[in-house]
Amino acid sequence: MRLNTVCEEAACPNIGECFSRRQATVIILGSVCTRGCRFCAVKKGTPEPPDTAEASRIAEAIKKLNLLHVVVTSVTRDDLIDGGASFFAEAVHSIRKLNPSVKIETLVPDFQENKEALRTLTKSAPDIISHNVETVPRLYEDIRSGASYQRSLRVLKISKDIAPDIPTKSGLMLGLGESENEVLSVMDDLVNAGCSFLSIGQYLAPSNTHTQVREYVPPERFEWYNKEALNRGFRSVMSGPYVRSSYYETEFYNRDNRRA
């Protein structure tokens, strides 16, 4: 039974390591995105209609693979009224029914800031709700076609307001031309939006046609960002060159010393 993972679709460098730790990031709603972010390896275009049997198949595959932690994500589906939120909720319910001990993170698109869509998502009660801001606001126009930095912050804030007991998480890529002060400002914005967890990693261009790397950030600066993020109020942070938004997800729980 094939599990469609973003680990493969996005050419993640940590795929073997995560699979060996019984963690995976599954992608729902197809493999074609309606947006055209210039950093992403996922295919762009007009997607097929959603597969209504997808959630049950994913739950069965997770049980068969005996996974411990699953991130459920999707391509952006601006063609759907709720952006696919109901399919996320169905996936969470189906996974929990067959795999009650599995930790579930939902890594969601912005749903065009549809509050009802976010309400549908939060009612399914995932363990973490994640939405990545990806980069600093100055770079959005160039690399995040169709996205909005402020909208992404509001998605995190609305999710936290609706379900204050569910931790929210976001992710940043470095090496796209951002300054240190811009990164620190994003951290402050995320904390003010109620974000609990943060991942910070090095951007690596998936091909020569994507946005190219402007800087390879040294490990010591990732360590410095880690300390700065914790000092600013994040409960748990993963920061390093090969960190991705779904990397070592169980570590966010293990490192969270402020979890009630």
C-alpha atoms as a PDB file:
ATOM      1  CA  MET A   1       0.000   0.000   0.000  1.00  0.00           C
ATOM      2  CA  ARG A   2       1.720   3.166  -1.202  1.00  0.00           C
ATOM      3  CA  LEU A   3       1.888   6.173   1.113  1.00  0.00           C
ATOM      4  CA  ASN A   4       2.177   9.442  -0.817  1.00  0.00           C
ATOM      5  CA  THR A   5       4.757  11.439   1.158  1.00  0.00           C
ATOM      6  CA  VAL A   6       5.945  14.994   0.758  1.00  0.00           C
ATOM      7  CA  CYS A   7       9.311  13.580   1.841  1.00  0.00           C
ATOM      8  CA  GLU A   8       9.581  12.180  -1.709  1.00  0.00           C
ATOM      9  CA  GLU A   9       7.635  14.907  -3.561  1.00  0.00           C
ATOM     10  CA  ALA A  10       9.737  17.739  -2.117  1.00  0.00           C
ATOM     11  CA  ALA A  11      13.050  15.839  -2.333  1.00  0.00           C
ATOM     12  CA  CYS A  12      13.752  16.200   1.396  1.00  0.00           C
ATOM     13  CA  PRO A  13      17.393  15.428   2.366  1.00  0.00           C
ATOM     14  CA  ASN A  14      16.312  13.727   5.626  1.00  0.00           C
ATOM     15  CA  ILE A  15      13.997  11.116   4.128  1.00  0.00           C
ATOM     16  CA  GLY A  16      15.968   8.034   5.203  1.00  0.00           C
ATOM     17  CA  GLU A  17      16.601   9.284   8.725  1.00  0.00           C
ATOM     18  CA  CYS A  18      12.949  10.142   9.394  1.00  0.00           C
ATOM     19  CA  PHE A  19      11.631   6.895   7.930  1.00  0.00           C
ATOM     20  CA  SER A  20      14.034   4.939  10.151  1.00  0.00           C
ATOM     21  CA  ARG A  21      12.569   6.732  13.185  1.00  0.00           C
ATOM     22  CA  ARG A  22       9.037   5.697  12.115  1.00  0.00           C
ATOM     23  CA  GLN A  23       8.073   9.242  11.203  1.00  0.00           C
ATOM     24  CA  ALA A  24       6.649  10.424   7.903  1.00  0.00           C
ATOM     25  CA  THR A  25       4.938  13.411   6.333  1.00  0.00           C
ATOM     26  CA  VAL A  26       2.004  12.325   4.197  1.00  0.00           C
ATOM     27  CA  ILE A  27       0.568  14.550   1.523  1.00  0.00           C
ATOM     28  CA  ILE A  28      -3.173  14.617   0.850  1.00  0.00           C
ATOM     29  CA  LEU A  29      -5.308  16.255  -1.846  1.00  0.00           C
ATOM     30  CA  GLY A  30      -3.061  15.137  -4.682  1.00  0.00           C
ATOM     31  CA  SER A  31       0.426  16.152  -5.739  1.00  0.00           C
ATOM     32  CA  VAL A  32      -0.328  19.248  -7.865  1.00  0.00           C
ATOM     33  CA  CYS A  33      -0.368  22.702  -6.209  1.00  0.00           C
ATOM     34  CA  THR A  34      -2.447  25.673  -7.371  1.00  0.00           C
ATOM     35  CA  ARG A  35       0.294  28.144  -6.409  1.00  0.00           C
ATOM     36  CA  GLY A  36       3.802  28.665  -7.754  1.00  0.00           C
ATOM     37  CA  CYS A  37       6.249  29.267  -4.912  1.00  0.00           C
ATOM     38  CA  ARG A  38       9.714  29.512  -6.445  1.00  0.00           C
ATOM     39  CA  PHE A  39      11.453  27.524  -3.682  1.00  0.00           C
ATOM     40  CA  CYS A  40       9.264  24.410  -3.816  1.00  0.00           C
ATOM     41  CA  ALA A  41       9.769  21.191  -5.807  1.00  0.00           C
ATOM     42  CA  VAL A  42       6.087  20.163  -5.729  1.00  0.00           C
ATOM     43  CA  LYS A  43       4.391  20.250  -9.134  1.00  0.00           C
ATOM     44  CA  LYS A  44       2.248  23.272 -10.044  1.00  0.00           C
ATOM     45  CA  GLY A  45      -0.872  23.320 -12.203  1.00  0.00           C
ATOM     46  CA  THR A  46      -4.531  22.297 -12.157  1.00  0.00           C
ATOM     47  CA  PRO A  47      -5.120  19.494  -9.631  1.00  0.00           C
ATOM     48  CA  GLU A  48      -7.479  16.547  -9.987  1.00  0.00           C
ATOM     49  CA  PRO A  49     -10.625  16.371  -7.813  1.00  0.00           C
ATOM     50  CA  PRO A  50      -9.898  15.128  -4.268  1.00  0.00           C
ATOM     51  CA  ASP A  51      -9.898  11.394  -3.598  1.00  0.00           C
ATOM     52  CA  THR A  52     -12.686  10.678  -1.094  1.00  0.00           C
ATOM     53  CA  ALA A  53     -11.126   7.348  -0.076  1.00  0.00           C
ATOM     54  CA  GLU A  54      -7.711   8.880   0.640  1.00  0.00           C
ATOM     55  CA  ALA A  55      -8.085   9.300   4.408  1.00  0.00           C
ATOM     56  CA  SER A  56      -8.923   5.664   5.096  1.00  0.00           C
ATOM     57  CA  ARG A  57      -6.067   4.441   2.884  1.00  0.00           C
ATOM     58  CA  ILE A  58      -3.598   6.706   4.702  1.00  0.00           C
ATOM     59  CA  ALA A  59      -4.787   5.444   8.086  1.00  0.00           C
ATOM     60  CA  GLU A  60      -4.360   1.834   6.973  1.00  0.00           C
ATOM     61  CA  ALA A  61      -0.873   2.514   5.595  1.00  0.00           C
ATOM     62  CA  ILE A  62       0.199   4.211   8.832  1.00  0.00           C
ATOM     63  CA  LYS A  63      -0.991   1.186  10.802  1.00  0.00           C
ATOM     64  CA  LYS A  64       0.817  -1.196   8.462  1.00  0.00           C
ATOM     65  CA  LEU A  65       4.066   0.802   8.730  1.00  0.00           C
ATOM     66  CA  ASN A  66       3.680   1.128  12.508  1.00  0.00           C
ATOM     67  CA  LEU A  67       4.501   4.848  12.454  1.00  0.00           C
ATOM     68  CA  LEU A  68       4.861   6.801  15.690  1.00  0.00           C
ATOM     69  CA  HIS A  69       4.497  10.362  14.408  1.00  0.00           C
ATOM     70  CA  VAL A  70       2.734  11.551  11.296  1.00  0.00           C
ATOM     71  CA  VAL A  71       2.590  14.981   9.717  1.00  0.00           C
ATOM     72  CA  VAL A  72      -0.400  15.429   7.433  1.00  0.00           C
ATOM     73  CA  THR A  73       0.157  18.145   4.851  1.00  0.00           C
ATOM     74  CA  SER A  74      -1.155  19.045   1.417  1.00  0.00           C
ATOM     75  CA  VAL A  75      -0.550  21.054  -1.667  1.00  0.00           C
ATOM     76  CA  THR A  76      -2.395  24.363  -1.671  1.00  0.00           C
ATOM     77  CA  ARG A  77      -5.895  23.851  -3.077  1.00  0.00           C
ATOM     78  CA  ASP A  78      -7.295  27.303  -3.802  1.00  0.00           C
ATOM     79  CA  ASP A  79      -9.806  25.560  -6.102  1.00  0.00           C
ATOM     80  CA  LEU A  80     -11.667  24.098  -3.096  1.00  0.00           C
ATOM     81  CA  ILE A  81     -14.152  26.186  -1.102  1.00  0.00           C
ATOM     82  CA  ASP A  82     -12.569  25.330   2.251  1.00  0.00           C
ATOM     83  CA  GLY A  83      -9.060  24.897   0.869  1.00  0.00           C
ATOM     84  CA  GLY A  84      -9.222  21.221   1.780  1.00  0.00           C
ATOM     85  CA  ALA A  85      -9.765  21.676   5.543  1.00  0.00           C
ATOM     86  CA  SER A  86     -12.518  19.049   5.640  1.00  0.00           C
ATOM     87  CA  PHE A  87     -10.109  16.522   4.093  1.00  0.00           C
ATOM     88  CA  PHE A  88      -7.515  17.312   6.756  1.00  0.00           C
ATOM     89  CA  ALA A  89     -10.149  16.742   9.445  1.00  0.00           C
ATOM     90  CA  GLU A  90     -11.222  13.461   7.861  1.00  0.00           C
ATOM     91  CA  ALA A  91      -7.597  12.320   7.702  1.00  0.00           C
ATOM     92  CA  VAL A  92      -7.054  13.084  11.398  1.00  0.00           C
ATOM     93  CA  HIS A  93     -10.233  11.203  12.380  1.00  0.00           C
ATOM     94  CA  SER A  94      -9.364   8.193  10.221  1.00  0.00           C
ATOM     95  CA  ILE A  95      -5.775   7.998  11.476  1.00  0.00           C
ATOM     96  CA  ARG A  96      -6.873   8.212  15.121  1.00  0.00           C
ATOM     97  CA  LYS A  97      -9.492   5.513  14.651  1.00  0.00           C
ATOM     98  CA  LEU A  98      -6.903   2.942  13.532  1.00  0.00           C
ATOM     99  CA  ASN A  99      -3.829   4.406  15.264  1.00  0.00           C
ATOM    100  CA  PRO A 100      -4.910   5.920  18.605  1.00  0.00           C
ATOM    101  CA  SER A 101      -1.354   6.333  19.948  1.00  0.00           C
ATOM    102  CA  VAL A 102       0.104   8.098  16.881  1.00  0.00           C
ATOM    103  CA  LYS A 103       1.001  11.776  17.282  1.00  0.00           C
ATOM    104  CA  ILE A 104      -0.561  13.818  14.476  1.00  0.00           C
ATOM    105  CA  GLU A 105       0.600  17.181  13.215  1.00  0.00           C
ATOM    106  CA  THR A 106      -1.332  18.995  10.500  1.00  0.00           C
ATOM    107  CA  LEU A 107       0.897  21.194   8.339  1.00  0.00           C
ATOM    108  CA  VAL A 108      -1.681  23.269   6.508  1.00  0.00           C
ATOM    109  CA  PRO A 109      -1.830  25.900   3.748  1.00  0.00           C
ATOM    110  CA  ASP A 110      -3.397  29.252   4.589  1.00  0.00           C
ATOM    111  CA  PHE A 111      -6.937  28.241   3.472  1.00  0.00           C
ATOM    112  CA  GLN A 112      -7.229  31.847   2.219  1.00  0.00           C
ATOM    113  CA  GLU A 113      -7.752  32.732   5.915  1.00  0.00           C
ATOM    114  CA  ASN A 114     -11.155  31.005   5.915  1.00  0.00           C
ATOM    115  CA  LYS A 115     -12.179  30.951   9.584  1.00  0.00           C
ATOM    116  CA  GLU A 116     -14.728  28.190   9.104  1.00  0.00           C
ATOM    117  CA  ALA A 117     -12.065  26.068   7.450  1.00  0.00           C
ATOM    118  CA  LEU A 118      -9.777  26.615  10.445  1.00  0.00           C
ATOM    119  CA  ARG A 119     -12.644  25.774  12.778  1.00  0.00           C
ATOM    120  CA  THR A 120     -13.170  22.506  10.911  1.00  0.00           C
ATOM    121  CA  LEU A 121      -9.486  21.708  11.281  1.00  0.00           C
ATOM    122  CA  THR A 122      -9.277  22.501  14.994  1.00  0.00           C
ATOM    123  CA  LYS A 123     -12.382  20.412  15.784  1.00  0.00           C
ATOM    124  CA  SER A 124     -10.528  17.324  14.557  1.00  0.00           C
ATOM    125  CA  ALA A 125      -8.032  17.971  17.411  1.00  0.00           C
ATOM    126  CA  PRO A 126      -4.603  17.260  15.904  1.00  0.00           C
ATOM    127  CA  ASP A 127      -1.707  17.303  18.349  1.00  0.00           C
ATOM    128  CA  ILE A 128      -0.054  20.252  16.553  1.00  0.00           C
ATOM    129  CA  ILE A 129      -1.351  22.750  13.991  1.00  0.00           C
ATOM    130  CA  SER A 130       1.478  23.959  11.805  1.00  0.00           C
ATOM    131  CA  HIS A 131       1.621  26.636   9.125  1.00  0.00           C
ATOM    132  CA  ASN A 132       4.939  27.854   7.737  1.00  0.00           C
ATOM    133  CA  VAL A 133       5.718  31.501   7.102  1.00  0.00           C
ATOM    134  CA  GLU A 134       8.796  30.194   5.220  1.00  0.00           C
ATOM    135  CA  THR A 135      10.720  33.479   4.921  1.00  0.00           C
ATOM    136  CA  VAL A 136      10.791  37.161   5.880  1.00  0.00           C
ATOM    137  CA  PRO A 137       8.039  39.452   4.538  1.00  0.00           C
ATOM    138  CA  ARG A 138      10.372  41.422   2.236  1.00  0.00           C
ATOM    139  CA  LEU A 139      11.001  38.309   0.126  1.00  0.00           C
ATOM    140  CA  TYR A 140       7.385  37.181  -0.248  1.00  0.00           C
ATOM    141  CA  GLU A 141       6.655  38.902  -3.543  1.00  0.00           C
ATOM    142  CA  ASP A 142       9.669  37.285  -5.171  1.00  0.00           C
ATOM    143  CA  ILE A 143       9.401  33.693  -3.938  1.00  0.00           C
ATOM    144  CA  ARG A 144       5.890  33.112  -2.483  1.00  0.00           C
ATOM    145  CA  SER A 145       3.454  33.704  -5.320  1.00  0.00           C
ATOM    146  CA  GLY A 146      -0.115  34.040  -4.035  1.00  0.00           C
ATOM    147  CA  ALA A 147       0.876  33.998  -0.365  1.00  0.00           C
ATOM    148  CA  SER A 148       0.756  36.766   2.233  1.00  0.00           C
ATOM    149  CA  TYR A 149       2.960  37.078   5.301  1.00  0.00           C
ATOM    150  CA  GLN A 150       0.297  38.860   7.331  1.00  0.00           C
ATOM    151  CA  ARG A 151      -2.330  36.323   6.280  1.00  0.00           C
ATOM    152  CA  SER A 152      -0.059  33.504   7.456  1.00  0.00           C
ATOM    153  CA  LEU A 153       0.353  35.189  10.837  1.00  0.00           C
ATOM    154  CA  ARG A 154      -3.419  35.576  11.104  1.00  0.00           C
ATOM    155  CA  VAL A 155      -3.923  31.880  10.281  1.00  0.00           C
ATOM    156  CA  LEU A 156      -1.729  30.964  13.251  1.00  0.00           C
ATOM    157  CA  LYS A 157      -3.427  33.521  15.498  1.00  0.00           C
ATOM    158  CA  ILE A 158      -6.946  32.424  14.542  1.00  0.00           C
ATOM    159  CA  SER A 159      -6.056  28.760  15.069  1.00  0.00           C
ATOM    160  CA  LYS A 160      -4.721  29.558  18.529  1.00  0.00           C
ATOM    161  CA  ASP A 161      -7.757  31.668  19.404  1.00  0.00           C
ATOM    162  CA  ILE A 162     -10.146  28.898  18.367  1.00  0.00           C
ATOM    163  CA  ALA A 163      -8.209  26.077  20.047  1.00  0.00           C
ATOM    164  CA  PRO A 164      -5.836  27.496  22.689  1.00  0.00           C
ATOM    165  CA  ASP A 165      -4.864  24.023  23.943  1.00  0.00           C
ATOM    166  CA  ILE A 166      -3.453  22.899  20.580  1.00  0.00           C
ATOM    167  CA  PRO A 167       0.155  24.076  20.098  1.00  0.00           C
ATOM    168  CA  THR A 168       0.870  25.942  16.871  1.00  0.00           C
ATOM    169  CA  LYS A 169       4.096  25.736  14.929  1.00  0.00           C
ATOM    170  CA  SER A 170       5.818  27.475  12.041  1.00  0.00           C
ATOM    171  CA  GLY A 171       8.969  27.150   9.970  1.00  0.00           C
ATOM    172  CA  LEU A 172      11.612  29.381   8.414  1.00  0.00           C
ATOM    173  CA  MET A 173      14.140  28.804   5.623  1.00  0.00           C
ATOM    174  CA  LEU A 174      17.421  30.721   5.730  1.00  0.00           C
ATOM    175  CA  GLY A 175      19.819  31.595   2.936  1.00  0.00           C
ATOM    176  CA  LEU A 176      17.398  33.464   0.681  1.00  0.00           C
ATOM    177  CA  GLY A 177      18.878  36.904   1.309  1.00  0.00           C
ATOM    178  CA  GLU A 178      17.237  37.712   4.647  1.00  0.00           C
ATOM    179  CA  SER A 179      19.031  39.722   7.346  1.00  0.00           C
ATOM    180  CA  GLU A 180      19.442  38.672  10.977  1.00  0.00           C
ATOM    181  CA  ASN A 181      17.206  41.512  12.140  1.00  0.00           C
ATOM    182  CA  GLU A 182      14.493  40.401   9.722  1.00  0.00           C
ATOM    183  CA  VAL A 183      14.644  36.850  11.091  1.00  0.00           C
ATOM    184  CA  LEU A 184      14.415  38.094  14.673  1.00  0.00           C
ATOM    185  CA  SER A 185      11.452  40.274  13.718  1.00  0.00           C
ATOM    186  CA  VAL A 186       9.667  37.243  12.263  1.00  0.00           C
ATOM    187  CA  MET A 187      10.291  35.372  15.515  1.00  0.00           C
ATOM    188  CA  ASP A 188       8.659  38.198  17.465  1.00  0.00           C
ATOM    189  CA  ASP A 189       5.679  38.230  15.087  1.00  0.00           C
ATOM    190  CA  LEU A 190       5.212  34.469  15.478  1.00  0.00           C
ATOM    191  CA  VAL A 191       5.365  34.614  19.274  1.00  0.00           C
ATOM    192  CA  ASN A 192       2.818  37.442  19.241  1.00  0.00           C
ATOM    193  CA  ALA A 193       0.579  35.236  17.087  1.00  0.00           C
ATOM    194  CA  GLY A 194       0.712  32.552  19.791  1.00  0.00           C
ATOM    195  CA  CYS A 195       3.128  30.233  18.009  1.00  0.00           C
ATOM    196  CA  SER A 196       4.716  27.648  20.333  1.00  0.00           C
ATOM    197  CA  PHE A 197       7.168  25.718  18.141  1.00  0.00           C
ATOM    198  CA  LEU A 198       9.631  26.851  15.472  1.00  0.00           C
ATOM    199  CA  SER A 199      11.823  25.042  12.933  1.00  0.00           C
ATOM    200  CA  ILE A 200      14.686  26.853  11.184  1.00  0.00           C
ATOM    201  CA  GLY A 201      16.658  25.301   8.334  1.00  0.00           C
ATOM    202  CA  GLN A 202      18.889  26.045   5.370  1.00  0.00           C
ATOM    203  CA  TYR A 203      17.169  26.600   2.024  1.00  0.00           C
ATOM    204  CA  LEU A 204      18.480  24.260  -0.661  1.00  0.00           C
ATOM    205  CA  ALA A 205      17.341  24.871  -4.230  1.00  0.00           C
ATOM    206  CA  PRO A 206      15.646  21.712  -5.586  1.00  0.00           C
ATOM    207  CA  SER A 207      16.752  22.536  -9.159  1.00  0.00           C
ATOM    208  CA  ASN A 208      18.467  25.204 -11.271  1.00  0.00           C
ATOM    209  CA  THR A 209      15.070  26.645 -12.224  1.00  0.00           C
ATOM    210  CA  HIS A 210      14.087  27.401  -8.618  1.00  0.00           C
ATOM    211  CA  THR A 211      15.167  30.365  -6.493  1.00  0.00           C
ATOM    212  CA  GLN A 212      18.888  29.969  -5.932  1.00  0.00           C
ATOM    213  CA  VAL A 213      20.666  29.956  -2.572  1.00  0.00           C
ATOM    214  CA  ARG A 214      22.038  33.379  -1.621  1.00  0.00           C
ATOM    215  CA  GLU A 215      23.953  32.209   1.469  1.00  0.00           C
ATOM    216  CA  TYR A 216      24.929  29.006   3.239  1.00  0.00           C
ATOM    217  CA  VAL A 217      24.338  29.832   6.879  1.00  0.00           C
ATOM    218  CA  PRO A 218      27.066  28.515   9.247  1.00  0.00           C
ATOM    219  CA  PRO A 219      26.051  26.097  12.049  1.00  0.00           C
ATOM    220  CA  GLU A 220      26.983  28.567  14.776  1.00  0.00           C
ATOM    221  CA  ARG A 221      24.451  31.080  13.482  1.00  0.00           C
ATOM    222  CA  PHE A 222      21.736  28.403  13.587  1.00  0.00           C
ATOM    223  CA  GLU A 223      22.701  27.798  17.211  1.00  0.00           C
ATOM    224  CA  TRP A 224      22.466  31.530  17.892  1.00  0.00           C
ATOM    225  CA  TYR A 225      19.009  31.690  16.290  1.00  0.00           C
ATOM    226  CA  ASN A 226      17.954  28.740  18.446  1.00  0.00           C
ATOM    227  CA  LYS A 227      18.883  30.603  21.630  1.00  0.00           C
ATOM    228  CA  GLU A 228      17.280  33.819  20.400  1.00  0.00           C
ATOM    229  CA  ALA A 229      14.023  32.018  19.596  1.00  0.00           C
ATOM    230  CA  LEU A 230      13.852  30.393  23.023  1.00  0.00           C
ATOM    231  CA  ASN A 231      14.627  33.722  24.694  1.00  0.00           C
ATOM    232  CA  ARG A 232      11.761  35.301  22.760  1.00  0.00           C
ATOM    233  CA  GLY A 233       9.237  32.821  24.138  1.00  0.00           C
ATOM    234  CA  PHE A 234       9.046  29.754  21.892  1.00  0.00           C
ATOM    235  CA  ARG A 235       8.450  26.557  23.846  1.00  0.00           C
ATOM    236  CA  SER A 236      10.618  24.407  21.600  1.00  0.00           C
ATOM    237  CA  VAL A 237      12.948  25.108  18.664  1.00  0.00           C
ATOM    238  CA  MET A 238      14.805  22.981  16.106  1.00  0.00           C
ATOM    239  CA  SER A 239      17.453  24.981  14.239  1.00  0.00           C
ATOM    240  CA  GLY A 240      20.155  23.624  11.932  1.00  0.00           C
ATOM    241  CA  PRO A 241      21.232  23.381   8.295  1.00  0.00           C
ATOM    242  CA  TYR A 242      19.244  20.209   7.540  1.00  0.00           C
ATOM    243  CA  VAL A 243      16.209  20.960   9.694  1.00  0.00           C
ATOM    244  CA  ARG A 244      12.950  20.955   7.752  1.00  0.00           C
ATOM    245  CA  SER A 245       9.461  21.785   8.981  1.00  0.00           C
ATOM    246  CA  SER A 246       8.690  18.110   9.639  1.00  0.00           C
ATOM    247  CA  TYR A 247      12.152  17.046  10.850  1.00  0.00           C
ATOM    248  CA  TYR A 248      12.391  15.139  14.164  1.00  0.00           C
ATOM    249  CA  GLU A 249       8.838  16.035  15.111  1.00  0.00           C
ATOM    250  CA  THR A 250       8.899  14.020  18.333  1.00  0.00           C
ATOM    251  CA  GLU A 251      11.794  16.196  19.481  1.00  0.00           C
ATOM    252  CA  PHE A 252       9.434  19.164  19.753  1.00  0.00           C
ATOM    253  CA  TYR A 253       7.612  17.256  22.499  1.00  0.00           C
ATOM    254  CA  ASN A 254      10.816  16.032  24.154  1.00  0.00           C
ATOM    255  CA  ARG A 255      12.364  19.507  24.227  1.00  0.00           C
ATOM    256  CA  ASP A 256       9.191  21.285  25.340  1.00  0.00           C
ATOM    257  CA  ASN A 257       9.824  21.907  29.011  1.00  0.00           C
ATOM    258  CA  ARG A 258       6.923  24.342  29.300  1.00  0.00           C
ATOM    259  CA  ARG A 259       4.174  21.964  28.166  1.00  0.00           C
ATOM    260  CA  ALA A 260       1.390  21.846  30.708  1.00  0.00           C
END
